[in-house]
């Protein structure tokens, strides 16, 4: 379904920018038997409900007209959130040094989640430094997700 998210992202970028925000991510997922199209936005100082509403009101008719999704779906616009997922190399570069959670597909050292400070990103491999000063690097194939975490 990446084609859908790519199309929606291209449509959303100028709409989101016109509202003084930046596009963080677009996802199209099936949950509890229903499809959801989610557009995540970000803004210096934080996103308000008014920002989400403005983007939604501007983008919704464009989606109806372009009709990039065959099936019915629920459309949502929301903040990327404080504990947002990091996906792109630019995300990792922007948040270098931040406190993160690396979730793994299989446990390593008895845990599927490892917390620490983002110290490196190289072709999908993530390096973090724990609060104890230990440095760990996780291979891209072992990582399920990486999220910012509040300390």
C-alpha atoms as a PDB file:
ATOM      1  CA  UNK A   1       0.000   0.000   0.000  1.00  0.00           C
ATOM      2  CA  UNK A   2       3.010   2.317  -0.109  1.00  0.00           C
ATOM      3  CA  UNK A   3       1.700   3.664  -3.411  1.00  0.00           C
ATOM      4  CA  UNK A   4      -1.354   5.051  -1.591  1.00  0.00           C
ATOM      5  CA  UNK A   5       0.749   6.670   1.112  1.00  0.00           C
ATOM      6  CA  UNK A   6       3.125   8.149  -1.476  1.00  0.00           C
ATOM      7  CA  UNK A   7       0.233   9.671  -3.448  1.00  0.00           C
ATOM      8  CA  UNK A   8      -1.406  11.073  -0.318  1.00  0.00           C
ATOM      9  CA  UNK A   9       1.913  12.429   0.975  1.00  0.00           C
ATOM     10  CA  UNK A  10       2.490  14.339  -2.270  1.00  0.00           C
ATOM     11  CA  UNK A  11      -1.017  15.772  -2.091  1.00  0.00           C
ATOM     12  CA  UNK A  12      -0.702  16.633   1.601  1.00  0.00           C
ATOM     13  CA  UNK A  13       2.709  18.363   1.612  1.00  0.00           C
ATOM     14  CA  UNK A  14       1.571  21.725   0.169  1.00  0.00           C
ATOM     15  CA  UNK A  15      -1.671  21.662   2.170  1.00  0.00           C
ATOM     16  CA  UNK A  16       0.190  21.018   5.416  1.00  0.00           C
ATOM     17  CA  UNK A  17       2.820  23.662   4.591  1.00  0.00           C
ATOM     18  CA  UNK A  18       0.080  26.224   3.866  1.00  0.00           C
ATOM     19  CA  UNK A  19      -1.125  25.704   7.447  1.00  0.00           C
ATOM     20  CA  UNK A  20       2.369  26.426   8.835  1.00  0.00           C
ATOM     21  CA  UNK A  21       3.117  22.784   9.605  1.00  0.00           C
ATOM     22  CA  UNK A  22       5.259  20.038   8.147  1.00  0.00           C
ATOM     23  CA  UNK A  23       4.177  16.595   7.036  1.00  0.00           C
ATOM     24  CA  UNK A  24       5.648  13.963   9.355  1.00  0.00           C
ATOM     25  CA  UNK A  25       4.133  10.753   7.993  1.00  0.00           C
ATOM     26  CA  UNK A  26       1.206   9.143   6.205  1.00  0.00           C
ATOM     27  CA  UNK A  27      -0.049   5.664   6.996  1.00  0.00           C
ATOM     28  CA  UNK A  28      -2.808   3.535   5.529  1.00  0.00           C
ATOM     29  CA  UNK A  29      -3.590   0.645   7.858  1.00  0.00           C
ATOM     30  CA  UNK A  30      -6.307  -1.858   8.590  1.00  0.00           C
ATOM     31  CA  UNK A  31      -7.408  -2.027  12.221  1.00  0.00           C
ATOM     32  CA  UNK A  32     -10.339  -3.976  13.649  1.00  0.00           C
ATOM     33  CA  UNK A  33     -11.684  -4.643  10.154  1.00  0.00           C
ATOM     34  CA  UNK A  34     -11.626  -1.001   9.048  1.00  0.00           C
ATOM     35  CA  UNK A  35      -9.143   0.999   6.949  1.00  0.00           C
ATOM     36  CA  UNK A  36      -7.599   4.187   8.334  1.00  0.00           C
ATOM     37  CA  UNK A  37      -5.749   6.872   6.412  1.00  0.00           C
ATOM     38  CA  UNK A  38      -3.713   8.882   8.906  1.00  0.00           C
ATOM     39  CA  UNK A  39      -1.794  12.042   8.158  1.00  0.00           C
ATOM     40  CA  UNK A  40       0.649  13.053  10.887  1.00  0.00           C
ATOM     41  CA  UNK A  41       1.801  16.655  11.097  1.00  0.00           C
ATOM     42  CA  UNK A  42       4.382  18.519  13.135  1.00  0.00           C
ATOM     43  CA  UNK A  43       5.140  22.145  13.953  1.00  0.00           C
ATOM     44  CA  UNK A  44       7.689  24.022  16.010  1.00  0.00           C
ATOM     45  CA  UNK A  45       6.080  24.554  19.397  1.00  0.00           C
ATOM     46  CA  UNK A  46       3.581  21.734  18.881  1.00  0.00           C
ATOM     47  CA  UNK A  47       0.481  20.980  16.865  1.00  0.00           C
ATOM     48  CA  UNK A  48      -2.926  22.160  18.060  1.00  0.00           C
ATOM     49  CA  UNK A  49      -6.359  20.701  17.389  1.00  0.00           C
ATOM     50  CA  UNK A  50      -6.971  23.764  15.198  1.00  0.00           C
ATOM     51  CA  UNK A  51      -3.947  22.825  13.054  1.00  0.00           C
ATOM     52  CA  UNK A  52      -5.282  19.283  12.619  1.00  0.00           C
ATOM     53  CA  UNK A  53      -8.754  20.576  11.763  1.00  0.00           C
ATOM     54  CA  UNK A  54      -7.426  23.075   9.216  1.00  0.00           C
ATOM     55  CA  UNK A  55      -5.354  20.419   7.436  1.00  0.00           C
ATOM     56  CA  UNK A  56      -8.249  17.970   7.513  1.00  0.00           C
ATOM     57  CA  UNK A  57     -10.736  20.484   6.079  1.00  0.00           C
ATOM     58  CA  UNK A  58      -8.337  21.456   3.283  1.00  0.00           C
ATOM     59  CA  UNK A  59      -7.153  17.944   2.394  1.00  0.00           C
ATOM     60  CA  UNK A  60     -10.429  16.011   2.663  1.00  0.00           C
ATOM     61  CA  UNK A  61     -12.067  17.459  -0.482  1.00  0.00           C
ATOM     62  CA  UNK A  62      -8.836  16.961  -2.422  1.00  0.00           C
ATOM     63  CA  UNK A  63      -8.813  13.290  -1.450  1.00  0.00           C
ATOM     64  CA  UNK A  64     -12.465  12.947  -2.446  1.00  0.00           C
ATOM     65  CA  UNK A  65     -11.748  14.458  -5.853  1.00  0.00           C
ATOM     66  CA  UNK A  66      -8.521  12.537  -6.571  1.00  0.00           C
ATOM     67  CA  UNK A  67      -9.963   9.304  -5.093  1.00  0.00           C
ATOM     68  CA  UNK A  68      -6.577   7.531  -4.629  1.00  0.00           C
ATOM     69  CA  UNK A  69      -8.095   4.819  -2.408  1.00  0.00           C
ATOM     70  CA  UNK A  70     -10.571   2.295  -3.789  1.00  0.00           C
ATOM     71  CA  UNK A  71     -12.143   1.066  -0.546  1.00  0.00           C
ATOM     72  CA  UNK A  72     -13.876   3.074   2.151  1.00  0.00           C
ATOM     73  CA  UNK A  73     -11.655   4.385   4.953  1.00  0.00           C
ATOM     74  CA  UNK A  74     -11.586   6.668   7.968  1.00  0.00           C
ATOM     75  CA  UNK A  75      -9.526   9.831   7.507  1.00  0.00           C
ATOM     76  CA  UNK A  76      -7.607  11.286  10.451  1.00  0.00           C
ATOM     77  CA  UNK A  77      -5.124  14.122  10.866  1.00  0.00           C
ATOM     78  CA  UNK A  78      -3.126  14.262  14.070  1.00  0.00           C
ATOM     79  CA  UNK A  79       0.078  15.404  15.687  1.00  0.00           C
ATOM     80  CA  UNK A  80       3.127  13.208  15.206  1.00  0.00           C
ATOM     81  CA  UNK A  81       3.239  13.104  19.005  1.00  0.00           C
ATOM     82  CA  UNK A  82       5.981  13.444  21.571  1.00  0.00           C
ATOM     83  CA  UNK A  83       6.848   9.734  21.355  1.00  0.00           C
ATOM     84  CA  UNK A  84       6.715   9.599  17.563  1.00  0.00           C
ATOM     85  CA  UNK A  85       8.192   6.820  15.488  1.00  0.00           C
ATOM     86  CA  UNK A  86      11.468   7.533  13.707  1.00  0.00           C
ATOM     87  CA  UNK A  87      11.536   6.047  10.199  1.00  0.00           C
ATOM     88  CA  UNK A  88      13.574   8.085   7.734  1.00  0.00           C
ATOM     89  CA  UNK A  89      17.299   8.849   7.914  1.00  0.00           C
ATOM     90  CA  UNK A  90      16.358  12.536   8.316  1.00  0.00           C
ATOM     91  CA  UNK A  91      14.291  11.639  11.419  1.00  0.00           C
ATOM     92  CA  UNK A  92      17.315  10.009  13.032  1.00  0.00           C
ATOM     93  CA  UNK A  93      19.569  12.922  12.073  1.00  0.00           C
ATOM     94  CA  UNK A  94      17.099  15.447  13.517  1.00  0.00           C
ATOM     95  CA  UNK A  95      16.760  13.607  16.830  1.00  0.00           C
ATOM     96  CA  UNK A  96      20.382  12.507  17.313  1.00  0.00           C
ATOM     97  CA  UNK A  97      21.118  12.509  21.048  1.00  0.00           C
ATOM     98  CA  UNK A  98      17.444  12.103  21.995  1.00  0.00           C
ATOM     99  CA  UNK A  99      16.174   9.421  24.346  1.00  0.00           C
ATOM    100  CA  UNK A 100      14.690   6.539  22.323  1.00  0.00           C
ATOM    101  CA  UNK A 101      13.177   3.074  22.586  1.00  0.00           C
ATOM    102  CA  UNK A 102      14.318   0.432  20.122  1.00  0.00           C
ATOM    103  CA  UNK A 103      11.800  -2.402  19.834  1.00  0.00           C
ATOM    104  CA  UNK A 104      13.124  -5.657  18.439  1.00  0.00           C
ATOM    105  CA  UNK A 105      11.415  -8.580  16.717  1.00  0.00           C
ATOM    106  CA  UNK A 106      13.277 -11.028  18.966  1.00  0.00           C
ATOM    107  CA  UNK A 107      14.647 -10.461  22.454  1.00  0.00           C
ATOM    108  CA  UNK A 108      18.319  -9.515  22.814  1.00  0.00           C
ATOM    109  CA  UNK A 109      19.895  -9.775  26.278  1.00  0.00           C
ATOM    110  CA  UNK A 110      16.502 -10.812  27.639  1.00  0.00           C
ATOM    111  CA  UNK A 111      14.535  -7.816  26.344  1.00  0.00           C
ATOM    112  CA  UNK A 112      12.629  -6.855  23.208  1.00  0.00           C
ATOM    113  CA  UNK A 113      12.795  -3.141  24.084  1.00  0.00           C
ATOM    114  CA  UNK A 114      16.012  -1.233  24.733  1.00  0.00           C
ATOM    115  CA  UNK A 115      16.151   2.349  25.980  1.00  0.00           C
ATOM    116  CA  UNK A 116      18.935   4.863  25.567  1.00  0.00           C
ATOM    117  CA  UNK A 117      20.228   7.923  23.769  1.00  0.00           C
ATOM    118  CA  UNK A 118      20.429   7.855  19.980  1.00  0.00           C
ATOM    119  CA  UNK A 119      24.131   7.944  19.139  1.00  0.00           C
ATOM    120  CA  UNK A 120      24.195   6.740  15.566  1.00  0.00           C
ATOM    121  CA  UNK A 121      22.278   5.702  12.483  1.00  0.00           C
ATOM    122  CA  UNK A 122      23.907   3.989   9.509  1.00  0.00           C
ATOM    123  CA  UNK A 123      21.893   2.357   6.722  1.00  0.00           C
ATOM    124  CA  UNK A 124      19.166   1.286   9.137  1.00  0.00           C
ATOM    125  CA  UNK A 125      21.461   0.203  11.977  1.00  0.00           C
ATOM    126  CA  UNK A 126      20.689   2.109  15.170  1.00  0.00           C
ATOM    127  CA  UNK A 127      23.232   2.782  17.910  1.00  0.00           C
ATOM    128  CA  UNK A 128      22.112   3.826  21.365  1.00  0.00           C
ATOM    129  CA  UNK A 129      23.894   4.558  24.621  1.00  0.00           C
ATOM    130  CA  UNK A 130      22.196   3.368  27.801  1.00  0.00           C
ATOM    131  CA  UNK A 131      22.054   5.484  30.948  1.00  0.00           C
ATOM    132  CA  UNK A 132      24.817   3.208  32.276  1.00  0.00           C
ATOM    133  CA  UNK A 133      27.072   4.290  29.407  1.00  0.00           C
ATOM    134  CA  UNK A 134      26.874   1.007  27.471  1.00  0.00           C
ATOM    135  CA  UNK A 135      26.734   1.393  23.691  1.00  0.00           C
ATOM    136  CA  UNK A 136      24.642  -1.044  21.620  1.00  0.00           C
ATOM    137  CA  UNK A 137      24.093  -1.239  17.877  1.00  0.00           C
ATOM    138  CA  UNK A 138      21.067  -3.020  16.461  1.00  0.00           C
ATOM    139  CA  UNK A 139      21.002  -4.379  12.906  1.00  0.00           C
ATOM    140  CA  UNK A 140      18.197  -3.130  10.640  1.00  0.00           C
ATOM    141  CA  UNK A 141      16.670  -6.611  10.260  1.00  0.00           C
ATOM    142  CA  UNK A 142      16.255  -6.998  14.019  1.00  0.00           C
ATOM    143  CA  UNK A 143      14.482  -3.652  14.593  1.00  0.00           C
ATOM    144  CA  UNK A 144      10.681  -3.610  14.674  1.00  0.00           C
ATOM    145  CA  UNK A 145      10.443   0.120  15.434  1.00  0.00           C
ATOM    146  CA  UNK A 146      12.227   3.086  16.977  1.00  0.00           C
ATOM    147  CA  UNK A 147      10.307   5.716  18.956  1.00  0.00           C
ATOM    148  CA  UNK A 148      11.246   8.835  20.851  1.00  0.00           C
ATOM    149  CA  UNK A 149      10.660   8.392  24.582  1.00  0.00           C
ATOM    150  CA  UNK A 150      10.152  10.847  27.399  1.00  0.00           C
ATOM    151  CA  UNK A 151      12.710  10.446  30.168  1.00  0.00           C
END
